[in-house]
Amino acid sequence: MSFFPPSLENLIDKFASLPGIGRKSAQRLAFHILSLTDSEAKEFADAVIDAKSGVKCCKVCQNFTEDDICGICRSDRREKGTICVVSEPRDVLSIERGKEYNGVYHVLHGVLSPVSHIGPDELKIKELLHRVAETDVEEVIMATNPDTEGEATAMYISRLLKPFNIRVTRLAYGIPVGSNLEFADNATLNRAIEGRTEM
């Protein structure tokens, strides 16, 4: 038996369907929405609808944009010869926060995952290969996550890029700055040793 009206239960269910939102968080969000004024609630709903209808994929890099081509791809200040391949649009934000990378991106919109029935055709891999074939790309940096699916995706794409005779690199992974060696797992330590640099 539900303690809430069906419309409120439906709103809670919608919030609970979002990634990382549990039932209690969904209830808090739904209650907050109900506490908004009518105009605030309408602004919130309009923002969701506007984003859903207005945001699309960049024709070049597949990142989210409201234009045909995103600002990074349009910029004359970016190094177009280096493409950083990431799994999701949010990964672009993570790399941009570091303010060190000045190349361009390619967003796959996922990783290879047989369990979830995500194969190469569900990802933006063909678009990457077409881009490498049609432009003067010197290096592709594989920046997928260092988990099983991310590694498999990086290896798969690197094999597809071999015939293009370009440099294909992988992000170095290892010990985070400020942490202790005693807390690092074996895989992280091995990666840190493999990715060591000269001083």
Foldseek 3Di string as FASTA:
>chain_A
DDPDDPVLVVQLVVQCPDPPAHSVNSNVVSVVLVVDDPVVNVVVVVVVVCCVVQWFAALQAGAIDSDNHDPLVPDPQADAQEEEEEAHNVVVVVVVVVVPHRHYYHYFPHFDDVVVPDDNVNTCLVSVVVNLVPDNHAEYEQEYDPDPRSVVRLVVSVVVCVVSPHHYHYDQAADDPPDDPVPDDPVRHVSCVVPDDDD
